[in-house]
């Protein structure tokens, strides 16, 4: 009998950051796959911004959450160790949603075979490129548009700005959390300009925005509403300011949204399956040919997963955060 480790939720945290004892890393027996199932050894998993949020009870929202007493989950890639599913064989590399554990066992239909040569690194299959891609598509960027991206050195924002440029944006501005990230956004990611939001947001944005790509909310969203031109577009994939503080936040200038006829659209990637074939074709080509850089921070060891999730939320890392088993 194999054994492996997994992380499970013991109790829902009182605050956004879990206390010791809210989650636990335990060693468990790993069963053999039944008919139609596969056994996978995980190699990398995604550290998601929503991991800490999902430890709360989100039943009032249309957002899946972790269940107490059960393992956490996230996107992961791994290698098939044993297969009793005719569509996969031992040695295949697969994507699935059974992260936060050394081994995954499940219905073979829940595991998607990967092309090991699609990206320079296997971990790139866990990038937030798809979130950035869909958000930019929904923003309907027009040639010459001025685009603002919050958290521009993070997992989504670092790619969203690059795709906006490829879609014809005339000027791309990034909001980041440190002087080092300002340099990174401009010198590595190709942003036209970037600023440290700790030095103030509204004065550094200026005006005349056409599109705002939002994953932060709060003060960023309020400042962007004031800076957007009439009929500007806002696409929203997250609200890290609220996730970080646990306090609901919102702009105080919603009348401006009406006056300027702004559009605001929140989105999840799984709501747009029609865009996936186009994403897989274009994005992989862009990465392979060097037109898009996929920055990432790799954290080693499942025992460091929760700390990495906290660090990501507080801006400790640059780019996409992945955990290597």
Protein backbone atom coordinates (compact mmCIF):
# COMPACT_ATOMS: atom_id res chain seq x y z
CA UNK A 1 0.00 0.00 0.00
CA UNK A 2 1.36 3.41 -0.98
CA UNK A 3 1.25 6.30 1.42
CA UNK A 4 1.20 9.97 0.61
CA UNK A 5 0.52 13.31 2.22
CA UNK A 6 -2.42 15.63 1.76
CA UNK A 7 -3.64 18.91 3.22
CA UNK A 8 -7.16 19.08 4.59
CA UNK A 9 -9.36 21.70 6.18
CA UNK A 10 -10.01 21.04 9.85
CA UNK A 11 -12.02 24.17 10.67
CA UNK A 12 -12.98 27.39 8.94
CA UNK A 13 -10.57 30.21 9.88
CA UNK A 14 -11.91 33.02 12.03
CA UNK A 15 -9.81 35.46 9.98
CA UNK A 16 -8.72 35.25 6.35
CA UNK A 17 -5.32 33.79 7.28
CA UNK A 18 -5.76 30.35 8.86
CA UNK A 19 -4.56 29.76 12.40
CA UNK A 20 -2.45 26.70 13.27
CA UNK A 21 -4.92 23.85 13.50
CA UNK A 22 -7.34 25.16 10.86
CA UNK A 23 -5.54 23.04 8.27
CA UNK A 24 -3.39 19.97 8.68
CA UNK A 25 -0.86 18.02 6.65
CA UNK A 26 -1.46 14.31 7.17
CA UNK A 27 -0.11 11.04 5.80
CA UNK A 28 -2.73 8.71 4.36
CA UNK A 29 -2.90 5.40 2.55
CA UNK A 30 -3.26 5.74 -1.22
CA UNK A 31 -5.62 3.16 -2.69
CA UNK A 32 -5.11 1.43 -6.02
CA UNK A 33 -7.22 2.72 -8.91
CA UNK A 34 -10.50 0.91 -9.59
CA UNK A 35 -11.84 0.17 -13.07
CA UNK A 36 -12.02 3.40 -15.06
CA UNK A 37 -9.67 5.24 -12.69
CA UNK A 38 -6.05 6.39 -12.70
CA UNK A 39 -3.40 6.91 -10.03
CA UNK A 40 -1.28 10.04 -10.55
CA UNK A 41 1.83 11.28 -8.78
CA UNK A 42 1.64 15.04 -8.61
CA UNK A 43 4.58 17.09 -9.87
CA UNK A 44 3.33 20.69 -9.63
CA UNK A 45 0.21 22.37 -8.30
CA UNK A 46 -1.19 25.85 -8.57
CA UNK A 47 -1.20 28.16 -5.57
CA UNK A 48 -4.38 30.10 -6.23
CA UNK A 49 -5.31 33.53 -4.89
CA UNK A 50 -8.69 32.11 -3.88
CA UNK A 51 -7.28 29.27 -1.77
CA UNK A 52 -7.63 31.21 1.49
CA UNK A 53 -11.05 32.53 0.47
CA UNK A 54 -12.32 28.98 -0.19
CA UNK A 55 -11.58 28.04 3.42
CA UNK A 56 -14.61 30.19 4.31
CA UNK A 57 -18.24 29.16 3.81
CA UNK A 58 -19.13 30.60 0.41
CA UNK A 59 -22.50 28.88 0.06
CA UNK A 60 -24.21 32.28 -0.27
CA UNK A 61 -22.09 32.95 -3.37
CA UNK A 62 -21.74 31.04 -6.61
CA UNK A 63 -18.16 30.12 -5.69
CA UNK A 64 -17.04 26.55 -4.81
CA UNK A 65 -15.43 26.25 -1.38
CA UNK A 66 -13.49 23.65 0.60
CA UNK A 67 -15.40 21.35 2.92
CA UNK A 68 -14.28 20.83 6.51
CA UNK A 69 -12.69 17.45 7.06
CA UNK A 70 -11.90 17.11 3.35
CA UNK A 71 -8.70 17.69 1.34
CA UNK A 72 -8.11 21.05 -0.30
CA UNK A 73 -8.06 21.04 -4.09
CA UNK A 74 -6.46 23.06 -6.88
CA UNK A 75 -5.20 22.64 -10.42
CA UNK A 76 -2.23 20.32 -10.67
CA UNK A 77 -0.12 18.42 -13.18
CA UNK A 78 1.32 15.00 -12.61
CA UNK A 79 2.42 11.69 -14.08
CA UNK A 80 0.18 8.66 -14.37
CA UNK A 81 1.61 5.86 -12.19
CA UNK A 82 -1.09 3.28 -12.84
CA UNK A 83 -4.11 3.35 -15.12
CA UNK A 84 -7.27 1.30 -15.36
CA UNK A 85 -8.77 3.82 -17.74
CA UNK A 86 -8.33 3.08 -21.41
CA UNK A 87 -7.75 6.69 -22.35
CA UNK A 88 -4.53 7.06 -20.31
CA UNK A 89 -1.40 5.00 -19.72
CA UNK A 90 1.39 4.92 -17.17
CA UNK A 91 3.88 7.68 -17.93
CA UNK A 92 1.33 10.09 -19.40
CA UNK A 93 1.47 13.65 -18.11
CA UNK A 94 -1.94 14.99 -17.10
CA UNK A 95 -3.72 18.08 -15.81
CA UNK A 96 -6.39 17.69 -13.12
CA UNK A 97 -7.94 19.40 -10.08
CA UNK A 98 -6.69 17.13 -7.28
CA UNK A 99 -3.91 19.32 -5.94
CA UNK A 100 -2.83 19.60 -2.29
CA UNK A 101 -1.82 15.93 -2.16
CA UNK A 102 1.13 13.82 -3.26
CA UNK A 103 -1.02 11.29 -5.11
CA UNK A 104 -4.39 11.66 -6.83
CA UNK A 105 -6.78 8.81 -7.58
CA UNK A 106 -9.95 9.36 -9.55
CA UNK A 107 -12.14 8.86 -12.57
CA UNK A 108 -9.93 8.93 -15.66
CA UNK A 109 -12.30 11.38 -17.34
CA UNK A 110 -11.23 14.00 -14.78
CA UNK A 111 -7.62 13.88 -16.03
CA UNK A 112 -6.55 15.55 -19.28
CA UNK A 113 -3.45 14.36 -21.13
CA UNK A 114 -0.87 17.09 -21.72
CA UNK A 115 1.55 17.69 -24.53
CA UNK A 116 4.93 17.78 -22.72
CA UNK A 117 6.33 19.99 -25.48
CA UNK A 118 3.55 22.60 -25.49
CA UNK A 119 5.44 24.97 -23.17
CA UNK A 120 9.06 25.47 -22.12
CA UNK A 121 8.14 24.18 -18.64
CA UNK A 122 5.55 21.66 -17.51
CA UNK A 123 4.53 24.11 -14.78
CA UNK A 124 3.37 26.56 -17.46
CA UNK A 125 0.26 24.40 -17.85
CA UNK A 126 -0.76 25.92 -14.50
CA UNK A 127 -0.28 29.53 -15.52
CA UNK A 128 -3.14 31.98 -15.29
CA UNK A 129 -2.76 32.67 -19.00
CA UNK A 130 -6.30 31.47 -19.60
CA UNK A 131 -7.70 33.97 -17.07
CA UNK A 132 -5.74 36.81 -18.64
CA UNK A 133 -6.70 35.73 -22.15
CA UNK A 134 -10.43 35.49 -21.48
CA UNK A 135 -10.47 38.77 -19.58
CA UNK A 136 -8.77 40.60 -22.42
CA UNK A 137 -11.16 39.04 -24.93
CA UNK A 138 -14.15 40.18 -22.87
CA UNK A 139 -12.68 43.69 -22.63
CA UNK A 140 -12.96 44.07 -26.42
CA UNK A 141 -9.71 46.01 -26.74
CA UNK A 142 -9.55 48.31 -29.73
CA UNK A 143 -6.41 49.54 -31.51
CA UNK A 144 -4.86 52.39 -29.57
CA UNK A 145 -6.74 51.77 -26.29
CA UNK A 146 -5.13 52.74 -23.00
CA UNK A 147 -5.34 49.81 -20.59
CA UNK A 148 -4.72 49.70 -16.84
CA UNK A 149 -3.95 46.36 -15.17
CA UNK A 150 -3.93 45.96 -11.38
CA UNK A 151 -1.56 43.50 -9.71
CA UNK A 152 0.42 43.76 -12.92
CA UNK A 153 3.33 41.61 -11.69
CA UNK A 154 1.05 38.86 -10.37
CA UNK A 155 -0.01 35.60 -11.97
CA UNK A 156 -2.86 37.10 -14.03
CA UNK A 157 -1.75 40.69 -14.47
CA UNK A 158 1.75 39.80 -15.68
CA UNK A 159 0.17 38.10 -18.68
CA UNK A 160 -2.91 40.30 -19.17
CA UNK A 161 -0.80 43.33 -20.01
CA UNK A 162 1.18 41.40 -22.59
CA UNK A 163 -1.97 40.05 -24.27
CA UNK A 164 -3.53 43.51 -24.27
CA UNK A 165 -0.51 44.74 -26.21
CA UNK A 166 -0.83 41.87 -28.71
CA UNK A 167 -4.51 42.77 -29.15
CA UNK A 168 -3.57 46.29 -30.21
CA UNK A 169 -3.56 48.38 -27.04
CA UNK A 170 -1.67 51.62 -27.57
CA UNK A 171 -0.58 52.10 -23.97
CA UNK A 172 -0.53 49.57 -21.10
CA UNK A 173 -0.09 50.72 -17.49
CA UNK A 174 0.48 48.44 -14.51
CA UNK A 175 -0.16 48.86 -10.79
CA UNK A 176 2.27 46.86 -8.61
CA UNK A 177 3.35 46.64 -4.99
CA UNK A 178 7.04 47.61 -4.89
CA UNK A 179 9.75 49.55 -6.78
CA UNK A 180 11.31 46.22 -7.79
CA UNK A 181 8.03 45.15 -9.37
CA UNK A 182 7.78 48.48 -11.18
CA UNK A 183 11.10 47.74 -12.89
CA UNK A 184 10.04 44.15 -13.58
CA UNK A 185 6.75 45.23 -15.19
CA UNK A 186 8.44 47.71 -17.50
CA UNK A 187 11.73 45.96 -18.29
CA UNK A 188 10.59 42.32 -18.45
CA UNK A 189 6.86 42.40 -19.16
CA UNK A 190 6.90 45.35 -21.56
CA UNK A 191 4.47 47.66 -19.76
CA UNK A 192 4.69 51.24 -21.02
CA UNK A 193 4.53 52.47 -17.43
CA UNK A 194 4.03 51.05 -13.95
CA UNK A 195 3.64 52.50 -10.47
CA UNK A 196 3.80 51.36 -6.86
CA UNK A 197 0.27 51.70 -5.52
CA UNK A 198 1.64 52.35 -2.01
CA UNK A 199 2.57 55.82 -3.32
CA UNK A 200 -1.06 56.54 -4.17
CA UNK A 201 -3.27 55.25 -6.95
CA UNK A 202 -5.45 57.98 -8.47
CA UNK A 203 -2.67 60.56 -9.03
CA UNK A 204 -0.51 57.97 -10.80
CA UNK A 205 -3.25 56.61 -13.04
CA UNK A 206 -4.05 60.00 -14.48
CA UNK A 207 -7.01 59.91 -16.83
CA UNK A 208 -8.18 58.81 -20.24
CA UNK A 209 -8.35 55.06 -19.66
CA UNK A 210 -10.33 52.85 -22.01
CA UNK A 211 -10.06 49.50 -20.21
CA UNK A 212 -9.38 48.43 -16.64
CA UNK A 213 -8.43 44.81 -15.93
CA UNK A 214 -9.23 44.35 -12.22
CA UNK A 215 -8.17 41.65 -9.79
CA UNK A 216 -7.85 43.89 -6.72
CA UNK A 217 -11.00 46.00 -6.31
CA UNK A 218 -11.36 48.59 -3.56
CA UNK A 219 -9.38 51.80 -4.05
CA UNK A 220 -8.01 50.58 -7.39
CA UNK A 221 -11.50 50.10 -8.80
CA UNK A 222 -12.70 53.46 -7.49
CA UNK A 223 -9.75 55.30 -9.04
CA UNK A 224 -10.16 53.49 -12.36
CA UNK A 225 -13.85 54.44 -12.56
CA UNK A 226 -12.87 58.11 -12.26
CA UNK A 227 -10.12 57.73 -14.87
CA UNK A 228 -12.09 55.83 -17.52
CA UNK A 229 -13.39 57.55 -20.61
CA UNK A 230 -17.12 57.42 -21.37
CA UNK A 231 -18.16 53.89 -22.36
CA UNK A 232 -14.99 52.44 -20.89
CA UNK A 233 -14.86 48.77 -19.97
CA UNK A 234 -13.96 47.02 -16.73
CA UNK A 235 -13.35 43.28 -16.51
CA UNK A 236 -13.01 41.72 -13.05
CA UNK A 237 -11.49 38.35 -12.15
CA UNK A 238 -10.86 38.88 -8.43
CA UNK A 239 -10.99 41.16 -5.41
CA UNK A 240 -7.79 40.54 -3.50
CA UNK A 241 -8.23 43.63 -1.35
CA UNK A 242 -11.39 42.13 0.15
CA UNK A 243 -9.92 38.63 0.33
CA UNK A 244 -6.87 39.98 2.15
CA UNK A 245 -8.79 42.09 4.67
CA UNK A 246 -11.95 40.02 5.02
CA UNK A 247 -13.87 43.31 4.89
CA UNK A 248 -16.30 43.99 2.00
CA UNK A 249 -15.00 46.83 -0.15
CA UNK A 250 -16.62 48.78 -2.92
CA UNK A 251 -16.26 51.99 -4.91
CA UNK A 252 -18.05 55.09 -3.63
CA UNK A 253 -18.46 56.57 -7.10
CA UNK A 254 -20.94 54.21 -8.71
CA UNK A 255 -22.97 57.14 -10.02
CA UNK A 256 -19.99 57.80 -12.29
CA UNK A 257 -20.52 54.34 -13.80
CA UNK A 258 -24.00 55.46 -14.83
CA UNK A 259 -22.92 58.88 -16.00
CA UNK A 260 -20.10 57.54 -18.16
CA UNK A 261 -22.09 54.48 -19.32
CA UNK A 262 -19.28 52.21 -18.16
CA UNK A 263 -19.55 48.44 -18.46
CA UNK A 264 -18.39 46.16 -15.64
CA UNK A 265 -18.15 42.42 -16.20
CA UNK A 266 -17.06 39.81 -13.71
CA UNK A 267 -16.04 36.46 -15.15
CA UNK A 268 -14.91 32.92 -14.48
CA UNK A 269 -12.94 31.03 -17.07
CA UNK A 270 -15.26 27.99 -16.99
CA UNK A 271 -18.12 30.21 -18.21
CA UNK A 272 -16.38 30.58 -21.58
CA UNK A 273 -15.58 27.13 -23.01
CA UNK A 274 -16.04 28.57 -26.51
CA UNK A 275 -12.79 30.51 -26.08
CA UNK A 276 -10.66 27.56 -24.98
CA UNK A 277 -9.66 26.21 -28.43
CA UNK A 278 -8.58 29.68 -29.52
CA UNK A 279 -6.69 30.21 -26.27
CA UNK A 280 -4.83 26.91 -26.52
CA UNK A 281 -3.78 27.65 -30.09
CA UNK A 282 -2.75 31.28 -29.65
CA UNK A 283 -1.32 31.29 -26.15
CA UNK A 284 0.94 28.28 -26.57
CA UNK A 285 2.25 29.79 -29.82
CA UNK A 286 2.94 33.13 -28.13
CA UNK A 287 4.85 31.47 -25.29
CA UNK A 288 6.88 29.12 -27.52
CA UNK A 289 7.88 31.97 -29.81
CA UNK A 290 8.81 34.29 -26.96
CA UNK A 291 6.08 36.85 -27.62
CA UNK A 292 4.78 36.29 -24.09
CA UNK A 293 6.87 35.79 -20.96
CA UNK A 294 5.33 33.54 -18.29
CA UNK A 295 6.88 34.64 -14.99
CA UNK A 296 6.55 32.27 -12.07
CA UNK A 297 7.79 31.63 -8.57
CA UNK A 298 8.34 27.98 -7.62
CA UNK A 299 7.88 26.94 -3.98
CA UNK A 300 9.15 23.50 -2.99
CA UNK A 301 7.33 21.10 -0.68
CA UNK A 302 3.67 20.47 0.13
CA UNK A 303 4.40 21.42 3.73
CA UNK A 304 4.98 24.99 2.50
CA UNK A 305 1.75 25.28 0.53
CA UNK A 306 -0.38 27.23 3.01
CA UNK A 307 2.43 29.67 3.74
CA UNK A 308 2.85 30.19 -0.01
CA UNK A 309 -0.87 30.97 -0.34
CA UNK A 310 -0.56 33.58 2.41
CA UNK A 311 2.59 35.00 0.81
CA UNK A 312 0.90 35.28 -2.55
CA UNK A 313 -2.01 37.22 -1.08
CA UNK A 314 0.35 39.65 0.64
CA UNK A 315 2.44 40.28 -2.47
CA UNK A 316 5.53 38.33 -1.47
CA UNK A 317 6.00 36.74 -4.89
CA UNK A 318 6.26 37.73 -8.55
CA UNK A 319 4.29 36.06 -11.32
CA UNK A 320 2.40 32.81 -11.02
CA UNK A 321 3.08 30.81 -7.87
CA UNK A 322 3.39 27.04 -8.28
CA UNK A 323 4.32 24.40 -5.75
CA UNK A 324 6.75 21.67 -6.76
CA UNK A 325 6.34 18.29 -5.05
